[in-house]
C-alpha atoms as a PDB file:
ATOM      1  CA  UNK A   1      -0.019   0.041   0.091  1.00  0.00           C
ATOM      2  CA  UNK A   2       1.418   3.586  -0.904  1.00  0.00           C
ATOM      3  CA  UNK A   3       1.772   5.620   1.867  1.00  0.00           C
ATOM      4  CA  UNK A   4       2.191   9.496   1.916  1.00  0.00           C
ATOM      5  CA  UNK A   5       4.607  11.705   3.961  1.00  0.00           C
ATOM      6  CA  UNK A   6       3.772  15.127   5.602  1.00  0.00           C
ATOM      7  CA  UNK A   7       5.873  18.110   6.121  1.00  0.00           C
ATOM      8  CA  UNK A   8       4.762  19.696   9.491  1.00  0.00           C
ATOM      9  CA  UNK A   9       5.881  23.217  10.829  1.00  0.00           C
ATOM     10  CA  UNK A  10       4.722  25.935  13.476  1.00  0.00           C
ATOM     11  CA  UNK A  11       5.530  29.117  14.577  1.00  0.00           C
ATOM     12  CA  UNK A  12       4.356  32.063  16.714  1.00  0.00           C
ATOM     13  CA  UNK A  13       4.394  35.513  14.439  1.00  0.00           C
ATOM     14  CA  UNK A  14       3.887  38.342  17.034  1.00  0.00           C
ATOM     15  CA  UNK A  15       0.933  40.369  14.582  1.00  0.00           C
ATOM     16  CA  UNK A  16      -2.155  39.965  14.111  1.00  0.00           C
ATOM     17  CA  UNK A  17      -4.180  37.095  12.082  1.00  0.00           C
ATOM     18  CA  UNK A  18      -5.213  39.377   9.263  1.00  0.00           C
ATOM     19  CA  UNK A  19      -1.407  40.601   8.734  1.00  0.00           C
ATOM     20  CA  UNK A  20       0.078  37.184   8.741  1.00  0.00           C
ATOM     21  CA  UNK A  21      -3.182  35.961   6.262  1.00  0.00           C
ATOM     22  CA  UNK A  22      -2.897  39.016   3.893  1.00  0.00           C
ATOM     23  CA  UNK A  23       1.181  38.119   3.316  1.00  0.00           C
ATOM     24  CA  UNK A  24       0.678  34.541   2.703  1.00  0.00           C
ATOM     25  CA  UNK A  25      -2.999  35.204   0.329  1.00  0.00           C
ATOM     26  CA  UNK A  26      -1.269  37.861  -1.989  1.00  0.00           C
ATOM     27  CA  UNK A  27       1.299  37.698  -4.524  1.00  0.00           C
ATOM     28  CA  UNK A  28       2.960  40.787  -2.933  1.00  0.00           C
ATOM     29  CA  UNK A  29       3.224  39.035   0.295  1.00  0.00           C
ATOM     30  CA  UNK A  30       4.614  35.855  -1.355  1.00  0.00           C
ATOM     31  CA  UNK A  31       7.045  37.918  -2.936  1.00  0.00           C
ATOM     32  CA  UNK A  32       8.238  39.364   0.477  1.00  0.00           C
ATOM     33  CA  UNK A  33       9.066  36.321   2.259  1.00  0.00           C
ATOM     34  CA  UNK A  34       9.327  33.322  -0.549  1.00  0.00           C
ATOM     35  CA  UNK A  35      10.316  34.402  -3.920  1.00  0.00           C
ATOM     36  CA  UNK A  36      10.471  37.636  -5.704  1.00  0.00           C
ATOM     37  CA  UNK A  37       9.236  36.050  -9.026  1.00  0.00           C
ATOM     38  CA  UNK A  38       5.084  35.425  -8.457  1.00  0.00           C
ATOM     39  CA  UNK A  39       2.671  35.235 -11.353  1.00  0.00           C
ATOM     40  CA  UNK A  40      -0.585  34.317 -11.565  1.00  0.00           C
ATOM     41  CA  UNK A  41      -4.079  34.469  -9.790  1.00  0.00           C
ATOM     42  CA  UNK A  42      -4.146  34.811  -6.102  1.00  0.00           C
ATOM     43  CA  UNK A  43      -7.878  34.655  -6.023  1.00  0.00           C
ATOM     44  CA  UNK A  44     -10.068  31.115  -5.058  1.00  0.00           C
ATOM     45  CA  UNK A  45      -9.680  28.936  -8.023  1.00  0.00           C
ATOM     46  CA  UNK A  46      -6.789  30.952  -9.290  1.00  0.00           C
ATOM     47  CA  UNK A  47      -3.414  29.809 -10.404  1.00  0.00           C
ATOM     48  CA  UNK A  48      -0.061  30.748  -9.116  1.00  0.00           C
ATOM     49  CA  UNK A  49       3.302  30.298 -10.826  1.00  0.00           C
ATOM     50  CA  UNK A  50       6.617  30.625  -8.692  1.00  0.00           C
ATOM     51  CA  UNK A  51       9.563  31.151 -10.050  1.00  0.00           C
ATOM     52  CA  UNK A  52      13.598  30.275  -8.754  1.00  0.00           C
ATOM     53  CA  UNK A  53      16.624  31.197  -9.770  1.00  0.00           C
ATOM     54  CA  UNK A  54      18.543  28.069 -10.995  1.00  0.00           C
ATOM     55  CA  UNK A  55      15.196  26.250 -11.129  1.00  0.00           C
ATOM     56  CA  UNK A  56      14.775  24.380 -14.788  1.00  0.00           C
ATOM     57  CA  UNK A  57      10.607  24.858 -14.232  1.00  0.00           C
ATOM     58  CA  UNK A  58       8.039  27.474 -12.508  1.00  0.00           C
ATOM     59  CA  UNK A  59       6.270  25.840  -9.466  1.00  0.00           C
ATOM     60  CA  UNK A  60       2.349  26.035 -10.254  1.00  0.00           C
ATOM     61  CA  UNK A  61       0.060  26.054  -7.564  1.00  0.00           C
ATOM     62  CA  UNK A  62      -4.093  25.974  -7.648  1.00  0.00           C
ATOM     63  CA  UNK A  63      -5.520  28.143  -4.625  1.00  0.00           C
ATOM     64  CA  UNK A  64      -7.882  25.630  -3.347  1.00  0.00           C
ATOM     65  CA  UNK A  65      -9.199  27.296   0.005  1.00  0.00           C
ATOM     66  CA  UNK A  66      -8.817  31.063   0.725  1.00  0.00           C
ATOM     67  CA  UNK A  67     -10.763  31.413   4.630  1.00  0.00           C
ATOM     68  CA  UNK A  68      -9.534  35.229   5.936  1.00  0.00           C
ATOM     69  CA  UNK A  69      -7.948  35.594   7.871  1.00  0.00           C
ATOM     70  CA  UNK A  70      -7.267  32.035   9.412  1.00  0.00           C
ATOM     71  CA  UNK A  71      -6.873  29.486   6.191  1.00  0.00           C
ATOM     72  CA  UNK A  72      -4.987  29.567   2.727  1.00  0.00           C
ATOM     73  CA  UNK A  73      -4.606  26.381   1.006  1.00  0.00           C
ATOM     74  CA  UNK A  74      -2.960  25.362  -2.635  1.00  0.00           C
ATOM     75  CA  UNK A  75      -2.874  21.897  -4.580  1.00  0.00           C
ATOM     76  CA  UNK A  76       0.117  21.318  -6.438  1.00  0.00           C
ATOM     77  CA  UNK A  77      -0.898  20.095  -9.670  1.00  0.00           C
ATOM     78  CA  UNK A  78       3.087  18.799 -10.627  1.00  0.00           C
ATOM     79  CA  UNK A  79       6.107  20.533 -11.900  1.00  0.00           C
ATOM     80  CA  UNK A  80       8.865  19.696  -9.456  1.00  0.00           C
ATOM     81  CA  UNK A  81       9.398  16.153  -8.749  1.00  0.00           C
ATOM     82  CA  UNK A  82       7.417  14.352  -6.135  1.00  0.00           C
ATOM     83  CA  UNK A  83       4.950  17.289  -5.943  1.00  0.00           C
ATOM     84  CA  UNK A  84       2.159  15.938  -8.160  1.00  0.00           C
ATOM     85  CA  UNK A  85      -0.555  15.873  -6.008  1.00  0.00           C
ATOM     86  CA  UNK A  86       0.491  16.954  -2.938  1.00  0.00           C
ATOM     87  CA  UNK A  87      -1.290  20.154  -0.602  1.00  0.00           C
ATOM     88  CA  UNK A  88       0.115  23.227   0.993  1.00  0.00           C
ATOM     89  CA  UNK A  89      -1.737  24.798   3.747  1.00  0.00           C
ATOM     90  CA  UNK A  90      -1.003  27.426   5.856  1.00  0.00           C
ATOM     91  CA  UNK A  91      -3.321  27.728   9.209  1.00  0.00           C
ATOM     92  CA  UNK A  92      -3.173  31.034  11.230  1.00  0.00           C
ATOM     93  CA  UNK A  93      -4.799  31.115  14.786  1.00  0.00           C
ATOM     94  CA  UNK A  94      -4.763  33.944  17.149  1.00  0.00           C
ATOM     95  CA  UNK A  95      -2.516  33.159  20.144  1.00  0.00           C
ATOM     96  CA  UNK A  96      -1.456  35.150  23.126  1.00  0.00           C
ATOM     97  CA  UNK A  97       1.159  37.043  21.606  1.00  0.00           C
ATOM     98  CA  UNK A  98      -0.273  37.459  17.804  1.00  0.00           C
ATOM     99  CA  UNK A  99      -0.825  34.183  15.729  1.00  0.00           C
ATOM    100  CA  UNK A 100       0.423  30.768  15.739  1.00  0.00           C
ATOM    101  CA  UNK A 101       1.116  29.442  12.016  1.00  0.00           C
ATOM    102  CA  UNK A 102       0.943  26.247  11.081  1.00  0.00           C
ATOM    103  CA  UNK A 103       2.496  25.018   8.164  1.00  0.00           C
ATOM    104  CA  UNK A 104       1.536  21.911   6.011  1.00  0.00           C
ATOM    105  CA  UNK A 105       2.628  20.133   2.871  1.00  0.00           C
ATOM    106  CA  UNK A 106       1.274  17.041   2.804  1.00  0.00           C
ATOM    107  CA  UNK A 107       0.848  14.275   0.407  1.00  0.00           C
ATOM    108  CA  UNK A 108       4.679  12.862  -0.572  1.00  0.00           C
ATOM    109  CA  UNK A 109       5.118   9.776  -2.102  1.00  0.00           C
ATOM    110  CA  UNK A 110       6.374   7.354   0.159  1.00  0.00           C
ATOM    111  CA  UNK A 111       9.548   6.526  -2.632  1.00  0.00           C
ATOM    112  CA  UNK A 112      10.517  10.278  -2.464  1.00  0.00           C
ATOM    113  CA  UNK A 113      14.113   9.847  -1.426  1.00  0.00           C
ATOM    114  CA  UNK A 114      15.086  10.778   2.003  1.00  0.00           C
ATOM    115  CA  UNK A 115      17.500  13.131   1.393  1.00  0.00           C
ATOM    116  CA  UNK A 116      15.304  15.047  -1.199  1.00  0.00           C
ATOM    117  CA  UNK A 117      12.427  15.218   1.314  1.00  0.00           C
ATOM    118  CA  UNK A 118      14.327  16.572   3.981  1.00  0.00           C
ATOM    119  CA  UNK A 119      15.742  18.906   1.421  1.00  0.00           C
ATOM    120  CA  UNK A 120      12.208  20.317   1.043  1.00  0.00           C
ATOM    121  CA  UNK A 121      11.441  20.081   4.535  1.00  0.00           C
ATOM    122  CA  UNK A 122      14.272  22.366   5.420  1.00  0.00           C
ATOM    123  CA  UNK A 123      13.773  24.513   2.640  1.00  0.00           C
ATOM    124  CA  UNK A 124       9.794  24.881   4.055  1.00  0.00           C
ATOM    125  CA  UNK A 125      11.159  25.683   7.803  1.00  0.00           C
ATOM    126  CA  UNK A 126      13.446  28.211   6.332  1.00  0.00           C
ATOM    127  CA  UNK A 127      10.530  29.982   4.133  1.00  0.00           C
ATOM    128  CA  UNK A 128       8.105  29.931   7.346  1.00  0.00           C
ATOM    129  CA  UNK A 129      11.057  31.463   9.293  1.00  0.00           C
ATOM    130  CA  UNK A 130      11.018  34.032   6.881  1.00  0.00           C
ATOM    131  CA  UNK A 131       7.525  34.806   6.661  1.00  0.00           C
ATOM    132  CA  UNK A 132       7.963  35.299  10.524  1.00  0.00           C
ATOM    133  CA  UNK A 133      11.081  37.688   9.698  1.00  0.00           C
ATOM    134  CA  UNK A 134       8.926  39.777   7.324  1.00  0.00           C
ATOM    135  CA  UNK A 135       5.415  40.070   8.785  1.00  0.00           C
ATOM    136  CA  UNK A 136       7.255  41.331  12.197  1.00  0.00           C
ATOM    137  CA  UNK A 137       9.735  43.739  10.095  1.00  0.00           C
ATOM    138  CA  UNK A 138       6.450  45.202   8.869  1.00  0.00           C
ATOM    139  CA  UNK A 139       6.684  43.647   5.443  1.00  0.00           C
ATOM    140  CA  UNK A 140      10.242  44.671   4.569  1.00  0.00           C
ATOM    141  CA  UNK A 141      12.689  41.674   3.734  1.00  0.00           C
ATOM    142  CA  UNK A 142      15.700  41.278   5.542  1.00  0.00           C
ATOM    143  CA  UNK A 143      18.383  41.417   2.418  1.00  0.00           C
ATOM    144  CA  UNK A 144      20.633  39.320   4.885  1.00  0.00           C
ATOM    145  CA  UNK A 145      18.088  36.336   4.249  1.00  0.00           C
ATOM    146  CA  UNK A 146      18.144  36.654   0.587  1.00  0.00           C
END
């Protein structure tokens, strides 16, 4: 039986959930903390496309759910190896010090090599950390993180 593997990261961000949501749910916000090359339609049902320096292809994401100010979810139709059929979600909930964000990238196949899966997990951890940095600094990315 084929199983799947999931990535989960959680972080506390000292900002309101709406501020966090607006950063994750918009092309300009995504460009501030993930990659500056964000194209496409950020609305529900839209297709976003992410470009990365040195990457042979763009990463497509279908906007599957928008539930302001708490949830953003994307479906990955393919593009990168092992990503086809995976799902990405961001959950933002009020917490004592602002917002608790839980990031999930689910549905990786069991046969994805551990080094590849581990590398993707680490990259997402760095991106989630950069989200915190960008939101808490008022939306200005730290050039040291670029």
